[in-house]
N, C-alpha and C. Protein backbone atom coordinates (compact mmCIF):
# COMPACT_ATOMS: atom_id res chain seq x y z
N MET A 1 50.77 1.30 -43.96
CA MET A 1 51.31 1.96 -45.22
C MET A 1 50.48 1.94 -46.38
N PHE A 2 50.08 0.74 -46.69
CA PHE A 2 48.84 0.45 -47.65
C PHE A 2 47.45 0.96 -47.36
N ARG A 3 47.44 1.03 -46.03
CA ARG A 3 46.11 0.99 -45.79
C ARG A 3 45.92 3.04 -45.69
N LYS A 4 47.19 3.76 -45.30
CA LYS A 4 47.19 5.19 -45.70
C LYS A 4 47.15 5.26 -46.89
N ILE A 5 47.24 4.90 -48.34
CA ILE A 5 47.74 4.94 -49.35
C ILE A 5 45.71 4.86 -49.52
N PHE A 6 45.52 3.06 -49.30
CA PHE A 6 43.90 3.16 -49.58
C PHE A 6 43.21 4.16 -49.10
N VAL A 7 43.52 4.84 -48.47
CA VAL A 7 43.05 5.79 -47.49
C VAL A 7 42.45 6.97 -48.01
N LEU A 8 43.79 7.22 -48.48
CA LEU A 8 44.17 8.78 -49.30
C LEU A 8 43.41 8.39 -50.49
N ALA A 9 43.25 7.60 -51.78
CA ALA A 9 43.26 7.35 -52.63
C ALA A 9 41.63 6.82 -52.65
N THR A 10 40.84 6.37 -51.44
CA THR A 10 39.24 6.35 -51.51
C THR A 10 39.25 7.89 -51.21
N THR A 11 39.44 8.55 -50.43
CA THR A 11 38.88 9.84 -49.89
C THR A 11 39.14 10.83 -51.30
N LEU A 12 39.92 10.74 -52.16
CA LEU A 12 40.15 11.52 -53.43
C LEU A 12 39.29 11.30 -54.13
N MET A 13 38.89 9.40 -54.16
CA MET A 13 38.31 9.16 -55.10
C MET A 13 36.91 9.47 -55.19
N VAL A 14 36.35 9.68 -53.83
CA VAL A 14 35.02 10.33 -53.23
C VAL A 14 34.57 11.37 -53.05
N PHE A 15 35.52 12.37 -53.35
CA PHE A 15 35.57 13.62 -53.17
C PHE A 15 35.18 13.85 -55.04
N SER A 16 36.22 13.31 -55.29
CA SER A 16 36.24 13.22 -56.94
C SER A 16 34.59 13.22 -57.92
N VAL A 17 34.43 12.23 -57.56
CA VAL A 17 32.80 11.67 -57.47
C VAL A 17 32.01 12.32 -57.31
N THR A 18 31.99 12.71 -56.03
CA THR A 18 31.22 13.96 -55.27
C THR A 18 30.50 15.17 -56.10
N PHE A 19 32.00 15.83 -56.66
CA PHE A 19 31.99 17.17 -57.25
C PHE A 19 31.26 17.03 -58.47
N THR A 20 32.16 15.78 -59.40
CA THR A 20 31.65 15.56 -60.75
C THR A 20 29.76 15.68 -60.86
N GLY A 21 29.31 14.83 -59.46
CA GLY A 21 28.05 14.86 -59.62
C GLY A 21 27.64 13.40 -60.33
N SER A 22 28.63 12.57 -60.07
CA SER A 22 27.80 11.20 -61.01
C SER A 22 28.04 9.89 -60.18
N SER A 23 28.25 10.32 -58.74
CA SER A 23 28.33 9.43 -57.24
C SER A 23 26.19 9.04 -57.15
N PHE A 24 25.77 9.59 -57.72
CA PHE A 24 24.74 9.06 -58.06
C PHE A 24 23.67 10.17 -58.87
N VAL A 25 22.37 9.43 -59.14
CA VAL A 25 21.50 9.60 -60.18
C VAL A 25 20.02 9.45 -59.90
N LEU A 26 19.37 11.01 -59.73
CA LEU A 26 18.36 10.85 -58.95
C LEU A 26 17.06 10.18 -60.16
N ALA A 27 16.33 9.32 -59.99
CA ALA A 27 15.18 8.47 -60.94
C ALA A 27 13.99 9.90 -61.11
N GLN A 28 13.44 9.27 -61.92
CA GLN A 28 12.27 10.32 -61.91
C GLN A 28 11.09 9.81 -61.16
N GLN A 29 10.15 10.82 -61.61
CA GLN A 29 8.83 10.89 -60.59
C GLN A 29 9.15 10.53 -59.09
N GLY A 30 10.07 11.17 -58.17
CA GLY A 30 10.31 10.74 -56.69
C GLY A 30 11.44 9.75 -56.70
N GLU A 31 11.60 8.82 -57.45
CA GLU A 31 12.06 7.69 -57.19
C GLU A 31 13.39 7.69 -56.71
N GLN A 32 14.47 7.59 -56.02
CA GLN A 32 15.93 7.64 -55.45
C GLN A 32 16.17 6.46 -55.54
N ARG A 33 17.31 6.23 -56.26
CA ARG A 33 18.17 4.82 -56.29
C ARG A 33 19.94 4.80 -56.17
N MET A 34 20.54 4.66 -56.12
CA MET A 34 22.27 4.31 -56.00
C MET A 34 22.11 3.99 -57.81
N GLN A 35 23.14 4.70 -58.11
CA GLN A 35 23.23 3.91 -59.23
C GLN A 35 25.03 4.15 -59.05
N PRO A 36 25.86 3.20 -59.88
CA PRO A 36 27.53 2.94 -59.71
C PRO A 36 28.14 4.43 -60.88
N ALA A 37 28.95 5.38 -60.25
CA ALA A 37 29.62 6.22 -60.71
C ALA A 37 30.13 5.47 -62.25
N GLN A 38 30.13 6.78 -62.94
CA GLN A 38 30.87 6.58 -64.36
C GLN A 38 32.04 6.93 -64.11
N PRO A 39 32.64 5.31 -65.22
CA PRO A 39 33.97 6.36 -65.24
C PRO A 39 34.48 7.36 -65.28
N GLN A 40 35.72 8.39 -65.16
CA GLN A 40 36.24 9.34 -64.84
C GLN A 40 37.17 9.88 -66.27
N MET A 41 36.82 10.77 -66.98
CA MET A 41 37.86 11.08 -68.03
C MET A 41 38.79 11.34 -67.46
N GLN A 42 40.12 11.18 -68.03
CA GLN A 42 41.46 11.64 -67.48
C GLN A 42 42.02 13.11 -67.43
N SER A 43 42.14 13.59 -66.22
CA SER A 43 42.15 15.37 -66.24
C SER A 43 43.74 15.39 -67.08
N PRO A 44 43.93 16.47 -67.15
CA PRO A 44 45.07 17.15 -68.38
C PRO A 44 46.12 16.85 -67.15
N GLU A 45 47.42 17.31 -67.93
CA GLU A 45 48.58 17.30 -67.29
C GLU A 45 48.49 18.50 -66.24
N ILE A 46 48.88 18.56 -65.21
CA ILE A 46 49.27 19.49 -63.97
C ILE A 46 50.53 19.73 -63.35
N LYS A 47 51.00 20.80 -63.85
CA LYS A 47 52.21 21.10 -62.99
C LYS A 47 51.98 21.79 -61.19
N ILE A 48 52.23 20.60 -60.27
CA ILE A 48 51.78 20.81 -59.23
C ILE A 48 53.44 21.34 -58.08
N ASP A 49 53.10 22.85 -58.08
CA ASP A 49 54.33 23.26 -57.21
C ASP A 49 53.91 23.31 -55.74
N GLU A 50 55.31 23.51 -55.13
CA GLU A 50 55.34 23.20 -53.45
C GLU A 50 54.20 24.36 -52.79
N LYS A 51 53.82 25.17 -53.49
CA LYS A 51 52.79 26.16 -52.65
C LYS A 51 51.38 25.26 -52.73
N MET A 52 51.31 25.77 -53.86
CA MET A 52 50.16 24.42 -54.74
C MET A 52 49.90 23.12 -53.66
N LEU A 53 50.68 22.28 -53.45
CA LEU A 53 50.68 21.05 -53.09
C LEU A 53 50.49 21.47 -51.43
N ASN A 54 50.82 21.99 -51.01
CA ASN A 54 50.29 22.41 -49.06
C ASN A 54 48.80 22.91 -49.25
N LYS A 55 48.94 23.52 -50.16
CA LYS A 55 47.04 24.21 -50.20
C LYS A 55 45.93 22.70 -50.18
N PHE A 56 46.50 21.74 -51.40
CA PHE A 56 46.17 20.58 -51.35
C PHE A 56 46.17 19.94 -50.53
N ILE A 57 47.53 20.05 -49.72
CA ILE A 57 47.13 19.00 -48.10
C ILE A 57 46.11 19.62 -47.33
N ALA A 58 46.45 20.86 -47.15
CA ALA A 58 45.38 21.94 -45.98
C ALA A 58 44.34 21.57 -46.18
N ALA A 59 43.43 21.22 -47.34
CA ALA A 59 42.17 21.16 -47.90
C ALA A 59 41.97 19.98 -47.59
N ALA A 60 42.66 18.91 -48.09
CA ALA A 60 42.61 17.57 -47.81
C ALA A 60 42.27 17.45 -46.54
N LYS A 61 42.90 17.60 -45.52
CA LYS A 61 42.99 17.49 -44.35
C LYS A 61 41.32 17.83 -43.64
N GLU A 62 41.29 18.60 -43.95
CA GLU A 62 39.64 19.47 -43.75
C GLU A 62 38.24 18.58 -44.67
N ILE A 63 38.91 18.29 -45.59
CA ILE A 63 37.68 18.01 -46.25
C ILE A 63 37.39 16.55 -45.49
N GLU A 64 38.74 15.47 -45.34
CA GLU A 64 38.80 14.29 -44.66
C GLU A 64 38.21 14.69 -43.12
N GLY A 65 38.21 15.52 -42.73
CA GLY A 65 37.02 15.31 -41.53
C GLY A 65 35.46 15.54 -41.42
N ILE A 66 35.38 16.67 -42.78
CA ILE A 66 33.96 16.91 -43.07
C ILE A 66 33.50 14.94 -43.52
N LYS A 67 34.41 14.31 -44.22
CA LYS A 67 33.74 12.80 -45.01
C LYS A 67 33.70 12.20 -43.66
N ALA A 68 34.48 12.08 -42.76
CA ALA A 68 34.30 11.15 -41.43
C ALA A 68 33.36 11.51 -40.60
N GLU A 69 32.92 12.86 -40.30
CA GLU A 69 31.76 13.47 -39.64
C GLU A 69 30.38 13.02 -40.38
N TYR A 70 30.51 13.54 -41.82
CA TYR A 70 29.59 12.83 -42.42
C TYR A 70 28.98 11.31 -42.69
N THR A 71 30.03 10.34 -43.11
CA THR A 71 30.36 9.10 -43.05
C THR A 71 28.98 8.35 -41.72
N LYS A 72 29.55 8.96 -40.84
CA LYS A 72 28.97 8.70 -39.24
C LYS A 72 27.48 8.89 -39.10
N LYS A 73 27.25 9.94 -39.97
CA LYS A 73 25.79 10.15 -39.98
C LYS A 73 24.86 9.52 -41.03
N LEU A 74 25.29 9.34 -41.43
CA LEU A 74 24.72 8.60 -42.47
C LEU A 74 24.86 7.24 -42.71
N GLN A 75 25.71 6.38 -41.94
CA GLN A 75 25.28 5.35 -41.61
C GLN A 75 24.09 4.56 -41.05
N GLY A 76 23.70 3.96 -41.60
CA GLY A 76 22.00 3.20 -40.92
C GLY A 76 21.10 4.05 -41.19
N MET A 77 21.44 5.49 -42.37
CA MET A 77 19.87 6.13 -42.21
C MET A 77 19.43 5.62 -43.13
N LYS A 78 18.15 5.80 -43.31
CA LYS A 78 17.21 4.89 -44.13
C LYS A 78 16.12 5.65 -45.39
N ASP A 79 15.84 6.81 -44.61
CA ASP A 79 15.40 8.04 -44.95
C ASP A 79 16.41 8.55 -46.20
N LYS A 80 16.35 8.06 -47.52
CA LYS A 80 17.02 8.68 -48.37
C LYS A 80 16.92 10.20 -48.61
N THR A 81 15.71 10.48 -48.47
CA THR A 81 15.37 12.32 -48.93
C THR A 81 16.24 12.63 -47.85
N LYS A 82 16.34 12.40 -46.46
CA LYS A 82 17.47 12.83 -45.63
C LYS A 82 18.51 12.47 -45.76
N ALA A 83 18.96 11.05 -46.52
CA ALA A 83 20.75 11.08 -46.59
C ALA A 83 20.66 12.23 -47.66
N MET A 84 19.74 12.16 -49.06
CA MET A 84 20.55 13.05 -50.31
C MET A 84 20.35 14.29 -49.14
N GLU A 85 19.78 14.93 -48.66
CA GLU A 85 20.43 16.62 -47.89
C GLU A 85 21.31 16.56 -47.56
N PHE A 86 21.90 15.71 -46.70
CA PHE A 86 22.98 15.48 -45.67
C PHE A 86 23.99 15.35 -46.65
N GLN A 87 23.62 14.47 -48.06
CA GLN A 87 25.02 14.53 -48.83
C GLN A 87 25.31 15.92 -49.30
N GLN A 88 24.06 16.59 -49.72
CA GLN A 88 24.39 17.93 -50.22
C GLN A 88 24.95 18.77 -49.32
N LYS A 89 24.32 18.71 -47.99
CA LYS A 89 25.59 19.59 -46.94
C LYS A 89 26.78 19.18 -46.60
N ALA A 90 27.28 18.25 -47.01
CA ALA A 90 28.47 17.75 -47.11
C ALA A 90 29.36 18.53 -47.86
N GLN A 91 28.97 18.29 -49.47
CA GLN A 91 29.26 18.61 -50.69
C GLN A 91 29.72 20.48 -50.78
N ASP A 92 28.10 20.96 -50.13
CA ASP A 92 28.24 22.49 -49.55
C ASP A 92 29.75 22.73 -48.58
N GLU A 93 29.75 21.48 -48.12
CA GLU A 93 31.00 21.99 -46.56
C GLU A 93 32.36 21.83 -47.38
N VAL A 94 31.94 21.14 -47.78
CA VAL A 94 34.15 20.48 -49.19
C VAL A 94 33.71 21.87 -50.02
N ASN A 95 33.04 22.16 -50.63
CA ASN A 95 33.07 23.20 -51.35
C ASN A 95 33.64 24.50 -50.78
N LYS A 96 32.95 24.80 -49.07
CA LYS A 96 33.52 25.91 -48.73
C LYS A 96 35.31 25.84 -48.62
N VAL A 97 35.41 24.82 -48.33
CA VAL A 97 36.67 24.10 -48.00
C VAL A 97 37.49 24.49 -49.09
N LEU A 98 37.03 24.19 -50.41
CA LEU A 98 37.78 23.95 -51.42
C LEU A 98 38.01 25.69 -52.30
N LYS A 99 37.04 26.80 -51.21
CA LYS A 99 36.68 27.80 -51.89
C LYS A 99 37.98 28.47 -50.64
N LYS A 100 38.01 28.45 -49.61
CA LYS A 100 38.94 28.41 -48.44
C LYS A 100 40.18 28.93 -49.35
N HIS A 101 40.70 27.49 -49.37
CA HIS A 101 41.97 27.28 -50.41
C HIS A 101 42.29 27.76 -51.66
N GLN A 102 41.24 28.51 -52.48
CA GLN A 102 41.68 28.90 -53.52
C GLN A 102 41.70 27.47 -54.65
N PHE A 103 40.76 26.79 -54.16
CA PHE A 103 40.37 25.30 -55.76
C PHE A 103 39.23 25.76 -55.79
N ASP A 104 39.33 25.54 -57.18
CA ASP A 104 37.94 24.76 -57.69
C ASP A 104 37.66 23.32 -57.66
N PRO A 105 36.64 22.54 -57.58
CA PRO A 105 36.63 21.27 -57.83
C PRO A 105 37.23 20.57 -58.68
N GLN A 106 37.49 20.98 -60.02
CA GLN A 106 38.34 20.60 -61.00
C GLN A 106 39.85 20.49 -60.97
N THR A 107 40.04 21.37 -60.36
CA THR A 107 41.81 21.86 -60.06
C THR A 107 42.09 20.61 -58.83
N TYR A 108 41.27 20.92 -57.89
CA TYR A 108 41.23 20.14 -56.64
C TYR A 108 41.72 18.60 -56.83
N ASN A 109 40.41 18.26 -58.06
CA ASN A 109 40.62 16.77 -58.53
C ASN A 109 41.55 16.35 -59.26
N SER A 110 42.02 17.28 -59.93
CA SER A 110 43.22 17.06 -60.96
C SER A 110 44.61 16.69 -59.95
N ILE A 111 44.58 17.92 -59.33
CA ILE A 111 45.82 17.30 -58.28
C ILE A 111 46.16 16.06 -57.47
N GLY A 112 44.34 15.73 -57.12
CA GLY A 112 44.04 14.49 -56.48
C GLY A 112 44.95 13.36 -57.41
N ASN A 113 44.38 13.41 -58.42
CA ASN A 113 44.84 12.39 -59.61
C ASN A 113 46.36 12.38 -59.98
N ALA A 114 46.91 13.78 -59.88
CA ALA A 114 48.31 13.56 -60.15
C ALA A 114 49.12 13.06 -58.72
N VAL A 115 48.19 13.54 -58.04
CA VAL A 115 49.12 12.82 -56.33
C VAL A 115 49.04 11.24 -56.21
N THR A 116 47.84 10.64 -56.91
CA THR A 116 47.37 8.80 -56.80
C THR A 116 48.35 8.70 -57.67
N GLN A 117 49.05 9.16 -58.95
CA GLN A 117 49.99 8.74 -60.18
C GLN A 117 50.94 8.94 -60.21
N ASN A 118 51.87 9.77 -58.88
CA ASN A 118 53.28 10.11 -58.46
C ASN A 118 53.95 9.83 -56.86
N PRO A 119 54.27 8.19 -57.55
CA PRO A 119 55.03 7.56 -55.56
C PRO A 119 55.12 9.20 -54.93
N GLU A 120 55.93 9.78 -55.84
CA GLU A 120 57.10 10.58 -54.87
C GLU A 120 56.10 11.87 -53.93
N LEU A 121 55.07 12.02 -54.88
CA LEU A 121 54.10 13.51 -53.95
C LEU A 121 53.34 12.32 -53.39
N MET A 122 52.81 11.21 -53.62
CA MET A 122 51.84 10.13 -52.56
C MET A 122 52.79 10.21 -51.68
N LYS A 123 54.07 9.86 -51.54
CA LYS A 123 54.95 10.05 -50.04
C LYS A 123 54.61 10.96 -49.24
N LYS A 124 54.92 12.35 -49.96
CA LYS A 124 54.92 13.56 -49.41
C LYS A 124 53.18 13.93 -48.98
N VAL A 125 52.44 13.61 -49.49
CA VAL A 125 50.96 14.08 -48.96
C VAL A 125 50.48 13.23 -47.58
N GLN A 126 50.66 11.90 -47.75
CA GLN A 126 50.49 10.80 -46.76
C GLN A 126 51.49 11.23 -45.36
N LYS A 127 52.65 11.78 -45.74
CA LYS A 127 53.44 12.20 -44.44
C LYS A 127 52.51 13.27 -44.08
N GLU A 128 52.03 14.64 -44.68
CA GLU A 128 52.14 15.77 -44.25
C GLU A 128 50.42 15.18 -43.86
N LEU A 129 49.70 14.21 -43.99
CA LEU A 129 48.04 13.90 -43.89
C LEU A 129 48.08 13.14 -42.60
N SER A 130 49.48 12.72 -41.88
CA SER A 130 49.19 11.21 -41.20
C SER A 130 50.02 12.37 -39.82
N LYS A 131 50.00 13.60 -39.81
CA LYS A 131 50.75 14.99 -38.87
C LYS A 131 49.25 14.66 -38.13
C-alpha cells in the first residue's frame, strides 16, 4: 500500500517538475549540470468531477509507461547531451498524451496535487492505476 502511494506521488512529482521546466537548469557556455528543482507554488483549488478524474487516470497510466520506458533508456547514460535529448523526447511524448486527454500541464498537475492531498481521491486513483 505504502509503495503504491510512493510510486504515484513520485510519478506526479517527476512529471510536475518536468512540465514546469525546473527539474534542471542548463549552465551557460555549453556546460550542463543538474540542479535541484525549485519549490513549487501551490496550485489553486480545483474541483474534480468523475469525468475529469477518469481522464486523469487514463493519462497517468500512459505517462507512467513513458516514464518507465525513458527511465530505462537514461540509466547509466554518460552523454549529458544525449540524456537531455531523451528527456526532451519523453516530455514531448507526455505532452502528446496530455493533449490527447485534453489536459494542459497546469491542469494535470493541479489534479495530481489535489489527488495527493485527498486520501479518498488517492485511494480511487491507486485502485484504478493498479488494474
